Amino acid sequence: MQSSFNLIELLVLLQSKWRQLLSFTAASAIVAACIVFIVTPKYESAATILAGNSLLTDKASIFNPQIKDLYGSFGNGDDLDRIQAVAEMDTTLLKVIRDQQLVQYYALKNEPESVLEKQALKLLRKELRFIKTPKDQLIISCITKDERQAAQIVNAVVQSAEENLQSLTQLQYKRILEQIDTTIANLKLQYSALEQQPVATSESAKRMQDAETFSILSQLEQYKKISAEYKIGMHAIPSYIRILEQGSIPSEPAWPNKPLIIAIAALAGLAFSSLLTLLNNPSKELR
């Protein structure tokens, strides 16, 4: 059985049906236009950040400025991963939800506050995107139906992540200070007990008492100095995040792309109507 494909015959057939093809194509474009102009547009805002060098968050960098000259001010991929992990934490996003009043924004109601916040958290996670680029940049984007809200959410996430990182470092310093204060209290007790001992009569015993007293006083002085450094360090922690670009209010919606969708719908309508025409008018050459 022999068959051939006559392209000219098919083109002639489509040309003869151009009114139907044009009508179907126009109808598809009109339907698509009606849909995209009815649906609620969504706007996207994004912030681009870099990681600060975690080595510079140590208190030693405050009292030894030369350390800043040895290390760059920007961190590496591990520092950026740490920032992303903190930014995606529930505690970070819940703070954003409370600060930005997202429970009211999402129109959630008729449930306890804790339940509403969890519902808002799920909705917020669907709108957020965290993208780590090959250049060790982190892009945090948010797409919502309100262009101003999108920018506010993005910037709030960055701020909340920075505050959480600062808080974690301050908590670590606080625990170390508690240990240092306990050690200082113990040394003071040792010194007080040593002062209450009777004065040694022999020269060797007296030298031992003096040496022990000197050792305790030296340790007290050293621990007090360390304690003072940590107290200053708690209030002078460098920033963990370097903001390259803050989230800004978008000038046009990110979705839907009206011209693109209408063009795709028109092409799809043309392709479908052409196929339908060919199926309803089989070529004699294909029999």
Protein backbone atom coordinates (compact mmCIF):
# COMPACT_ATOMS: atom_id res chain seq x y z
CA MET A 1 0.00 0.00 0.00
CA GLN A 2 1.56 3.29 -1.09
CA SER A 3 0.81 6.73 0.32
CA SER A 4 2.31 10.16 0.01
CA PHE A 5 2.15 13.37 1.98
CA ASN A 6 1.09 16.33 -0.16
CA LEU A 7 2.04 19.51 1.74
CA ILE A 8 0.73 21.81 -0.99
CA GLU A 9 -2.69 20.19 -0.81
CA LEU A 10 -2.79 20.67 2.96
CA LEU A 11 -1.82 24.33 2.67
CA VAL A 12 -4.48 24.88 0.03
CA LEU A 13 -7.05 23.24 2.31
CA LEU A 14 -6.06 25.45 5.28
CA GLN A 15 -6.08 28.53 3.08
CA SER A 16 -9.60 27.75 1.94
CA LYS A 17 -10.71 27.56 5.60
CA TRP A 18 -8.94 30.74 6.68
CA ARG A 19 -12.11 32.38 7.98
CA GLN A 20 -12.81 29.50 10.37
CA LEU A 21 -9.16 29.37 11.46
CA LEU A 22 -9.06 33.12 12.04
CA SER A 23 -12.33 33.06 13.96
CA PHE A 24 -11.17 30.26 16.25
CA THR A 25 -7.80 31.94 16.81
CA ALA A 26 -9.45 35.27 17.65
CA ALA A 27 -11.93 33.56 19.95
CA SER A 28 -9.10 31.82 21.83
CA ALA A 29 -7.23 35.10 22.24
CA ILE A 30 -10.39 36.89 23.43
CA VAL A 31 -11.18 34.18 26.00
CA ALA A 32 -7.60 34.26 27.28
CA ALA A 33 -7.69 38.06 27.49
CA CYS A 34 -10.93 37.97 29.48
CA ILE A 35 -9.43 35.46 31.92
CA VAL A 36 -6.12 37.27 32.49
CA PHE A 37 -7.86 40.61 33.00
CA ILE A 38 -10.28 39.09 35.52
CA VAL A 39 -7.83 37.11 37.68
CA THR A 40 -6.11 38.90 40.55
CA PRO A 41 -2.56 39.86 39.57
CA LYS A 42 0.38 38.93 41.78
CA TYR A 43 3.46 41.00 42.44
CA GLU A 44 6.97 39.80 43.27
CA SER A 45 9.59 41.58 45.32
CA ALA A 46 13.07 40.24 46.09
CA ALA A 47 16.01 41.08 48.33
CA THR A 48 19.57 40.00 47.56
CA ILE A 49 21.94 39.45 50.47
CA LEU A 50 25.45 38.25 51.22
CA ALA A 51 26.73 36.61 54.39
CA GLY A 52 28.94 38.51 56.79
CA ASN A 53 32.12 36.76 57.88
CA SER A 54 31.24 34.72 60.97
CA LEU A 55 34.83 35.07 62.24
CA LEU A 56 34.20 38.79 62.77
CA THR A 57 31.31 38.09 65.15
CA ASP A 58 33.80 36.88 67.76
CA LYS A 59 34.51 39.38 70.55
CA ALA A 60 38.22 39.14 69.72
CA SER A 61 37.64 41.22 66.61
CA ILE A 62 36.43 44.09 68.81
CA PHE A 63 39.59 44.27 70.90
CA ASN A 64 41.97 43.22 68.11
CA PRO A 65 41.21 45.32 65.02
CA GLN A 66 43.99 43.55 63.13
CA ILE A 67 41.73 40.50 62.84
CA LYS A 68 39.48 42.44 60.47
CA ASP A 69 42.49 43.01 58.24
CA LEU A 70 43.27 39.28 58.14
CA TYR A 71 39.76 38.24 57.08
CA GLY A 72 37.37 39.72 54.54
CA SER A 73 34.08 41.23 55.65
CA PHE A 74 32.07 38.74 53.58
CA GLY A 75 31.44 35.12 54.51
CA ASN A 76 31.40 31.92 52.50
CA GLY A 77 28.77 29.44 51.40
CA ASP A 78 28.54 27.87 54.87
CA ASP A 79 27.76 31.25 56.40
CA LEU A 80 25.08 31.78 53.75
CA ASP A 81 23.56 28.35 54.44
CA ARG A 82 23.37 29.29 58.12
CA ILE A 83 21.54 32.50 57.28
CA GLN A 84 19.09 30.67 55.03
CA ALA A 85 18.41 28.06 57.70
CA VAL A 86 17.62 30.77 60.26
CA ALA A 87 15.51 32.75 57.75
CA GLU A 88 13.37 29.67 57.08
CA MET A 89 12.82 28.89 60.78
CA ASP A 90 9.28 29.02 62.16
CA THR A 91 10.34 31.51 64.85
CA THR A 92 11.71 33.89 62.21
CA LEU A 93 8.59 33.72 60.03
CA LEU A 94 6.19 33.88 62.98
CA LYS A 95 7.78 37.16 64.00
CA VAL A 96 7.19 38.44 60.46
CA ILE A 97 3.57 37.30 60.67
CA ARG A 98 3.04 39.23 63.90
CA ASP A 99 4.94 42.35 62.84
CA GLN A 100 3.23 42.53 59.44
CA GLN A 101 -0.19 41.46 60.79
CA LEU A 102 -0.45 38.72 58.18
CA VAL A 103 -3.29 36.94 59.97
CA GLN A 104 -5.51 39.92 59.11
CA TYR A 105 -3.91 40.25 55.67
CA TYR A 106 -4.82 36.63 54.81
CA ALA A 107 -8.31 37.23 56.28
CA LEU A 108 -8.02 34.34 58.71
CA LYS A 109 -10.56 34.21 61.53
CA ASN A 110 -12.82 32.12 63.79
CA GLU A 111 -9.91 30.18 65.33
CA PRO A 112 -7.57 30.65 68.33
CA GLU A 113 -4.64 32.98 67.66
CA SER A 114 -2.07 30.18 67.72
CA VAL A 115 -4.04 28.23 65.11
CA LEU A 116 -4.44 31.30 62.91
CA GLU A 117 -0.70 31.97 63.05
CA LYS A 118 0.05 28.40 61.95
CA GLN A 119 -2.36 28.80 59.04
CA ALA A 120 -0.71 32.09 58.11
CA LEU A 121 2.68 30.39 58.33
CA LYS A 122 1.63 27.81 55.74
CA LEU A 123 0.37 30.53 53.40
CA LEU A 124 3.52 32.60 53.87
CA ARG A 125 5.80 29.66 53.07
CA LYS A 126 3.95 29.19 49.77
CA GLU A 127 4.69 32.80 48.83
CA LEU A 128 8.36 32.82 49.82
CA ARG A 129 11.31 31.60 47.75
CA PHE A 130 14.91 31.18 48.93
CA ILE A 131 17.41 30.86 46.09
CA LYS A 132 21.15 30.49 46.63
CA THR A 133 23.12 31.60 43.57
CA PRO A 134 26.49 30.17 42.42
CA LYS A 135 28.07 33.49 43.49
CA ASP A 136 27.17 32.87 47.14
CA GLN A 137 24.25 35.27 47.11
CA LEU A 138 20.90 34.53 48.69
CA ILE A 139 17.79 35.86 46.96
CA ILE A 140 14.68 36.00 49.15
CA SER A 141 11.57 36.70 47.12
CA CYS A 142 7.88 36.96 47.91
CA ILE A 143 4.95 36.96 45.50
CA THR A 144 1.60 38.31 46.75
CA LYS A 145 -1.48 40.08 45.45
CA ASP A 146 -0.36 43.35 47.10
CA GLU A 147 2.80 44.92 45.67
CA ARG A 148 3.57 46.92 48.82
CA GLN A 149 3.05 43.90 51.06
CA ALA A 150 5.45 41.82 48.97
CA ALA A 151 8.29 44.28 49.57
CA GLN A 152 7.47 44.63 53.27
CA ILE A 153 7.45 40.87 53.81
CA VAL A 154 10.80 40.35 52.09
CA ASN A 155 12.51 43.09 54.10
CA ALA A 156 10.88 41.85 57.31
CA VAL A 157 12.23 38.33 56.73
CA VAL A 158 15.77 39.70 56.30
CA GLN A 159 15.46 41.83 59.44
CA SER A 160 13.97 38.99 61.50
CA ALA A 161 16.75 36.60 60.40
CA GLU A 162 19.40 39.16 61.42
CA GLU A 163 17.75 39.68 64.81
CA ASN A 164 17.59 35.92 65.42
CA LEU A 165 21.27 35.48 64.57
CA GLN A 166 22.20 38.37 66.85
CA SER A 167 20.03 36.91 69.60
CA LEU A 168 21.71 33.50 69.30
CA THR A 169 25.16 35.07 69.68
CA GLN A 170 24.02 37.17 72.64
CA LEU A 171 22.57 34.05 74.27
CA GLN A 172 25.89 32.26 73.81
CA TYR A 173 27.75 35.23 75.35
CA LYS A 174 25.28 35.30 78.25
CA ARG A 175 25.91 31.63 79.06
CA ILE A 176 29.67 32.17 78.96
CA LEU A 177 29.28 35.20 81.26
CA GLU A 178 27.30 33.12 83.74
CA GLN A 179 30.12 30.55 83.83
CA ILE A 180 32.73 33.30 84.25
CA ASP A 181 30.74 34.94 87.07
CA THR A 182 30.48 31.57 88.83
CA THR A 183 34.24 31.13 88.55
CA ILE A 184 34.84 34.66 89.87
CA ALA A 185 32.55 33.97 92.85
CA ASN A 186 34.46 30.76 93.64
CA LEU A 187 37.80 32.56 93.44
CA LYS A 188 36.53 35.24 95.82
CA LEU A 189 35.50 32.54 98.28
CA GLN A 190 38.93 30.96 98.02
CA TYR A 191 40.58 34.34 98.59
CA SER A 192 38.33 35.07 101.58
CA ALA A 193 39.11 31.68 103.11
CA LEU A 194 42.83 32.25 102.55
CA GLU A 195 42.65 35.68 104.23
CA GLN A 196 41.02 34.14 107.30
CA GLN A 197 43.84 31.64 107.78
CA PRO A 198 46.33 32.46 110.53
CA VAL A 199 49.58 34.03 109.42
CA ALA A 200 52.23 31.43 108.80
CA THR A 201 55.11 31.39 111.25
CA SER A 202 57.74 29.81 109.05
CA GLU A 203 59.27 31.61 106.10
CA SER A 204 58.49 28.79 103.66
CA ALA A 205 54.84 28.57 104.71
CA LYS A 206 54.50 32.33 104.40
CA ARG A 207 55.93 32.25 100.89
CA MET A 208 53.41 29.54 99.96
CA GLN A 209 50.53 31.64 101.32
CA ASP A 210 51.73 34.68 99.41
CA ALA A 211 52.11 32.65 96.21
CA GLU A 212 48.61 31.22 96.56
CA THR A 213 47.17 34.66 97.27
CA PHE A 214 48.96 36.11 94.25
CA SER A 215 47.68 33.27 92.03
CA ILE A 216 44.07 33.79 93.12
CA LEU A 217 44.30 37.56 92.65
CA SER A 218 45.88 37.11 89.21
CA GLN A 219 43.08 34.76 88.16
CA LEU A 220 40.46 37.15 89.51
CA GLU A 221 41.93 40.01 87.53
CA GLN A 222 42.08 37.92 84.35
CA TYR A 223 38.50 36.64 84.66
CA LYS A 224 37.19 40.12 85.42
CA LYS A 225 38.88 41.38 82.27
CA ILE A 226 37.36 38.56 80.20
CA SER A 227 33.96 39.26 81.75
CA ALA A 228 34.19 42.94 80.80
CA GLU A 229 35.13 42.02 77.23
CA TYR A 230 32.13 39.72 76.86
CA LYS A 231 29.79 42.36 78.27
CA ILE A 232 31.05 44.85 75.71
CA GLY A 233 30.92 42.19 72.99
CA MET A 234 27.23 41.50 73.70
CA HIS A 235 26.40 45.04 72.62
CA ALA A 236 28.81 45.23 69.68
CA ILE A 237 28.05 42.13 67.61
CA PRO A 238 28.73 42.81 63.89
CA SER A 239 25.96 42.24 61.36
CA TYR A 240 25.57 38.72 60.00
CA ILE A 241 23.86 39.91 56.82
CA ARG A 242 25.11 42.25 54.12
CA ILE A 243 22.20 43.59 52.06
CA LEU A 244 23.04 44.10 48.40
CA GLU A 245 19.51 44.98 47.35
CA GLN A 246 16.46 45.53 49.51
CA GLY A 247 13.01 44.42 48.49
CA SER A 248 11.29 47.20 46.54
CA ILE A 249 7.73 47.78 45.40
CA PRO A 250 7.36 46.21 41.93
CA SER A 251 6.09 48.45 39.16
CA GLU A 252 4.20 45.70 37.32
CA PRO A 253 2.74 42.30 38.20
CA ALA A 254 4.87 39.19 37.92
CA TRP A 255 1.80 37.08 37.09
CA PRO A 256 -0.07 36.81 34.84
CA ASN A 257 2.06 37.90 31.89
CA LYS A 258 -0.90 39.11 29.85
CA PRO A 259 0.74 39.56 26.40
CA LEU A 260 2.49 36.19 26.63
CA ILE A 261 -0.60 34.28 27.75
CA ILE A 262 -2.78 35.86 25.04
CA ALA A 263 -0.17 35.08 22.38
CA ILE A 264 0.12 31.45 23.54
CA ALA A 265 -3.67 31.09 23.59
CA ALA A 266 -3.91 32.48 20.04
CA LEU A 267 -1.24 30.10 18.75
CA ALA A 268 -2.85 27.18 20.55
CA GLY A 269 -6.23 28.12 19.03
CA LEU A 270 -4.70 28.30 15.56
CA ALA A 271 -2.95 24.94 15.98
CA PHE A 272 -6.08 23.24 17.33
CA SER A 273 -8.37 24.64 14.63
CA SER A 274 -5.87 23.64 11.91
CA LEU A 275 -5.70 20.10 13.25
CA LEU A 276 -9.47 19.92 13.51
CA THR A 277 -9.80 21.12 9.90
CA LEU A 278 -7.37 18.48 8.65
CA LEU A 279 -9.14 15.71 10.52
CA ASN A 280 -12.54 16.74 9.14
CA ASN A 281 -11.18 17.02 5.58
CA PRO A 282 -8.86 14.04 4.99
CA SER A 283 -6.70 14.30 1.89
CA LYS A 284 -7.30 11.94 -0.92
CA GLU A 285 -3.57 11.33 -1.08
CA LEU A 286 -3.68 9.90 2.45
CA ARG A 287 -6.37 7.35 1.65
